[in-house]
């Protein structure tokens, strides 16, 4: 009887230690969220004059809040409406991108998620899509996992994660990074939804689900 009780106590202790270790490991893992554009760079302009920079930040802040509730450490490249370079001249946008890359590389996160909105001449095109650096297997896996999470939140979305080898952010970042294009501002219906808090919550939840799944793999 004594041995049985002792065995159960040891099992409970071991289980508790495993949980503590998992929580400690989670806290030591960092995710960087990058809200694209900002300040004098509005990004894409939607069919109803929506500004990409505003939607990017609104969704990124929601993702940050949700991740912090899960005890996941989050670093934001920006938390307000500004570029990461304050010199207003022809080279500002390039310096802004360089600063984002510098900040992400400096934090050495598990991976980074850059949040954007898409646009296309055909107004009928819709759906969130994830881009990754063609030469990074880790980024590819993260992108495919994130794309699955986004499709699960929108049954009408049939888009696939897409490889890219030209985007500056993807090429220059030294850690796994994905770009999440949350929807098309060129699509009237989707553009309108992307400005509503309710739809932004849905997108943010999908991104969080994708991040958590990636961290568990």
Protein backbone atom coordinates (compact mmCIF):
# COMPACT_ATOMS: atom_id res chain seq x y z
CA UNK A 1 0.00 0.00 0.00
CA UNK A 2 2.81 2.37 0.95
CA UNK A 3 4.62 1.59 -2.30
CA UNK A 4 1.46 2.29 -4.32
CA UNK A 5 0.95 5.68 -2.63
CA UNK A 6 4.61 6.55 -3.11
CA UNK A 7 4.40 5.58 -6.78
CA UNK A 8 1.34 7.79 -7.30
CA UNK A 9 3.05 10.72 -5.58
CA UNK A 10 6.10 10.29 -7.80
CA UNK A 11 3.90 10.16 -10.92
CA UNK A 12 2.08 13.32 -9.84
CA UNK A 13 5.38 15.07 -9.09
CA UNK A 14 6.86 14.01 -12.43
CA UNK A 15 3.73 15.16 -14.26
CA UNK A 16 3.86 18.52 -12.50
CA UNK A 17 7.53 18.95 -13.34
CA UNK A 18 6.86 18.19 -17.01
CA UNK A 19 4.12 20.84 -17.09
CA UNK A 20 6.42 23.38 -15.41
CA UNK A 21 9.20 22.57 -17.87
CA UNK A 22 6.83 22.99 -20.83
CA UNK A 23 5.62 26.34 -19.48
CA UNK A 24 9.20 27.50 -18.91
CA UNK A 25 10.17 26.44 -22.43
CA UNK A 26 7.17 28.30 -23.88
CA UNK A 27 8.14 31.49 -22.01
CA UNK A 28 11.68 31.28 -23.39
CA UNK A 29 10.39 31.10 -26.96
CA UNK A 30 9.87 34.43 -28.69
CA UNK A 31 7.57 35.27 -31.57
CA UNK A 32 8.06 38.51 -33.53
CA UNK A 33 4.98 40.10 -35.07
CA UNK A 34 5.57 42.60 -37.84
CA UNK A 35 2.68 44.87 -38.82
CA UNK A 36 3.59 45.87 -42.36
CA UNK A 37 3.91 49.49 -43.53
CA UNK A 38 2.93 52.43 -41.28
CA UNK A 39 3.35 56.19 -41.07
CA UNK A 40 3.80 57.78 -44.50
CA UNK A 41 3.66 54.32 -46.12
CA UNK A 42 -0.02 53.30 -46.23
CA UNK A 43 0.57 50.05 -48.09
CA UNK A 44 -2.32 48.94 -50.31
CA UNK A 45 -5.39 51.18 -50.57
CA UNK A 46 -8.66 49.27 -50.69
CA UNK A 47 -11.67 49.74 -52.95
CA UNK A 48 -13.40 51.62 -50.13
CA UNK A 49 -10.23 53.62 -49.33
CA UNK A 50 -9.17 51.21 -46.58
CA UNK A 51 -5.52 51.64 -45.61
CA UNK A 52 -3.52 48.46 -45.35
CA UNK A 53 -1.21 49.87 -42.66
CA UNK A 54 -4.16 50.35 -40.28
CA UNK A 55 -5.63 46.88 -40.79
CA UNK A 56 -2.19 45.29 -40.42
CA UNK A 57 -1.65 46.93 -37.05
CA UNK A 58 -5.16 46.24 -35.77
CA UNK A 59 -4.84 42.53 -36.52
CA UNK A 60 -1.26 42.34 -35.21
CA UNK A 61 -2.28 43.90 -31.89
CA UNK A 62 -5.11 41.38 -31.55
CA UNK A 63 -2.70 38.51 -32.25
CA UNK A 64 -0.27 39.91 -29.69
CA UNK A 65 -2.96 40.07 -27.01
CA UNK A 66 -4.14 36.51 -27.69
CA UNK A 67 -0.61 35.10 -27.65
CA UNK A 68 0.20 36.84 -24.37
CA UNK A 69 -2.87 35.23 -22.82
CA UNK A 70 -1.26 31.91 -23.75
CA UNK A 71 1.94 33.00 -21.95
CA UNK A 72 3.87 33.31 -25.21
CA UNK A 73 6.42 36.11 -25.38
CA UNK A 74 5.76 38.51 -28.25
CA UNK A 75 7.91 41.27 -29.72
CA UNK A 76 6.27 43.81 -32.06
CA UNK A 77 8.20 45.67 -34.74
CA UNK A 78 5.72 48.53 -34.34
CA UNK A 79 2.79 49.28 -32.03
CA UNK A 80 1.56 52.53 -33.53
CA UNK A 81 1.19 54.30 -36.88
CA UNK A 82 4.78 54.97 -37.78
CA UNK A 83 7.57 53.66 -39.97
CA UNK A 84 10.69 52.27 -38.36
CA UNK A 85 12.73 55.04 -39.98
CA UNK A 86 11.93 58.69 -39.29
CA UNK A 87 13.80 60.39 -42.15
CA UNK A 88 11.29 61.43 -44.79
CA UNK A 89 13.14 61.04 -48.08
CA UNK A 90 13.30 58.73 -51.09
CA UNK A 91 15.20 56.04 -49.18
CA UNK A 92 12.89 55.86 -46.19
CA UNK A 93 11.01 52.75 -47.26
CA UNK A 94 14.21 50.77 -47.87
CA UNK A 95 15.62 51.83 -44.49
CA UNK A 96 12.32 50.89 -42.85
CA UNK A 97 12.58 47.36 -44.25
CA UNK A 98 16.22 47.11 -43.17
CA UNK A 99 15.25 48.15 -39.66
CA UNK A 100 12.51 45.52 -39.52
CA UNK A 101 15.02 42.86 -40.59
CA UNK A 102 17.56 44.12 -38.05
CA UNK A 103 15.00 44.03 -35.25
CA UNK A 104 13.76 40.55 -36.11
CA UNK A 105 17.28 39.12 -36.42
CA UNK A 106 18.30 40.77 -33.15
CA UNK A 107 15.45 39.17 -31.20
CA UNK A 108 16.28 35.67 -32.53
CA UNK A 109 12.67 34.45 -32.35
CA UNK A 110 11.40 30.92 -32.97
CA UNK A 111 9.94 32.51 -36.08
CA UNK A 112 8.44 35.78 -37.25
CA UNK A 113 5.07 36.61 -38.77
CA UNK A 114 4.69 39.68 -40.96
CA UNK A 115 1.06 40.75 -41.35
CA UNK A 116 -0.12 42.34 -44.60
CA UNK A 117 -3.13 42.72 -46.91
CA UNK A 118 -3.19 41.73 -50.56
CA UNK A 119 -4.48 43.32 -53.75
CA UNK A 120 -5.04 42.14 -57.33
CA UNK A 121 -6.49 43.60 -60.56
CA UNK A 122 -9.23 40.93 -60.58
CA UNK A 123 -11.67 42.08 -57.88
CA UNK A 124 -13.09 38.58 -57.57
CA UNK A 125 -9.91 37.13 -56.07
CA UNK A 126 -10.16 36.62 -52.31
CA UNK A 127 -8.79 34.66 -49.37
CA UNK A 128 -5.85 34.80 -46.98
CA UNK A 129 -2.54 33.49 -48.29
CA UNK A 130 0.86 32.83 -46.73
CA UNK A 131 4.23 33.45 -48.38
CA UNK A 132 7.58 31.95 -47.41
CA UNK A 133 11.19 32.06 -48.58
CA UNK A 134 11.71 29.40 -51.20
CA UNK A 135 15.07 28.30 -49.76
CA UNK A 136 13.95 27.84 -46.14
CA UNK A 137 12.44 24.46 -45.23
CA UNK A 138 11.42 25.75 -41.77
CA UNK A 139 9.62 28.74 -43.26
CA UNK A 140 7.88 26.48 -45.76
CA UNK A 141 6.60 24.20 -42.99
CA UNK A 142 5.43 27.19 -40.92
CA UNK A 143 3.70 28.70 -43.96
CA UNK A 144 1.83 25.50 -44.79
CA UNK A 145 0.75 25.10 -41.17
CA UNK A 146 -0.45 28.71 -41.07
CA UNK A 147 -2.28 28.34 -44.39
CA UNK A 148 -4.16 25.33 -42.99
CA UNK A 149 -5.20 27.38 -39.95
CA UNK A 150 -6.43 30.23 -42.15
CA UNK A 151 -8.39 27.90 -44.43
CA UNK A 152 -9.98 26.24 -41.39
CA UNK A 153 -11.33 29.65 -40.37
CA UNK A 154 -12.70 30.39 -43.86
CA UNK A 155 -14.24 27.45 -45.72
CA UNK A 156 -14.34 29.51 -48.92
CA UNK A 157 -10.56 29.91 -48.94
CA UNK A 158 -8.80 27.41 -51.20
CA UNK A 159 -5.48 29.24 -51.49
CA UNK A 160 -2.15 27.49 -50.92
CA UNK A 161 1.02 28.70 -49.21
CA UNK A 162 3.31 30.18 -51.86
CA UNK A 163 7.10 30.22 -52.22
CA UNK A 164 8.89 33.49 -52.98
CA UNK A 165 12.52 34.47 -53.42
CA UNK A 166 12.23 38.20 -54.15
CA UNK A 167 10.63 39.80 -51.05
CA UNK A 168 13.32 41.66 -49.10
CA UNK A 169 11.94 40.65 -45.71
CA UNK A 170 11.96 36.97 -46.62
CA UNK A 171 15.44 37.04 -48.16
CA UNK A 172 17.23 39.02 -45.46
CA UNK A 173 15.73 37.64 -42.27
CA UNK A 174 17.99 35.05 -40.62
CA UNK A 175 15.21 33.21 -38.77
CA UNK A 176 12.15 31.42 -40.18
CA UNK A 177 9.64 34.03 -41.31
CA UNK A 178 6.31 34.02 -43.10
CA UNK A 179 4.20 36.78 -44.59
CA UNK A 180 0.48 36.45 -43.93
CA UNK A 181 -1.65 38.29 -46.47
CA UNK A 182 -4.94 38.34 -44.53
CA UNK A 183 -7.14 39.09 -47.52
CA UNK A 184 -7.61 41.17 -50.65
CA UNK A 185 -8.40 44.88 -50.31
CA UNK A 186 -9.22 44.78 -54.03
CA UNK A 187 -12.21 42.53 -53.28
CA UNK A 188 -15.14 44.75 -52.15
CA UNK A 189 -16.67 42.19 -49.78
CA UNK A 190 -13.41 41.07 -48.22
CA UNK A 191 -12.09 44.62 -47.91
CA UNK A 192 -15.20 45.62 -45.99
CA UNK A 193 -14.93 42.62 -43.66
CA UNK A 194 -11.26 43.26 -42.95
CA UNK A 195 -12.11 46.59 -41.31
CA UNK A 196 -14.60 45.08 -38.85
CA UNK A 197 -13.42 44.09 -35.34
CA UNK A 198 -15.36 40.81 -35.53
CA UNK A 199 -13.67 39.61 -38.73
CA UNK A 200 -10.29 40.85 -37.53
CA UNK A 201 -10.81 38.73 -34.40
CA UNK A 202 -11.47 35.67 -36.57
CA UNK A 203 -8.33 36.30 -38.62
CA UNK A 204 -6.27 36.91 -35.48
CA UNK A 205 -7.54 33.68 -33.89
CA UNK A 206 -6.59 31.74 -37.02
CA UNK A 207 -3.09 33.26 -36.99
CA UNK A 208 -2.70 32.41 -33.30
CA UNK A 209 -3.83 28.84 -33.95
CA UNK A 210 -1.24 28.60 -36.71
CA UNK A 211 1.51 29.98 -34.49
CA UNK A 212 0.68 27.66 -31.59
CA UNK A 213 0.59 24.64 -33.91
CA UNK A 214 3.98 25.61 -35.35
CA UNK A 215 5.45 25.92 -31.86
CA UNK A 216 4.17 22.48 -30.91
CA UNK A 217 5.84 20.78 -33.87
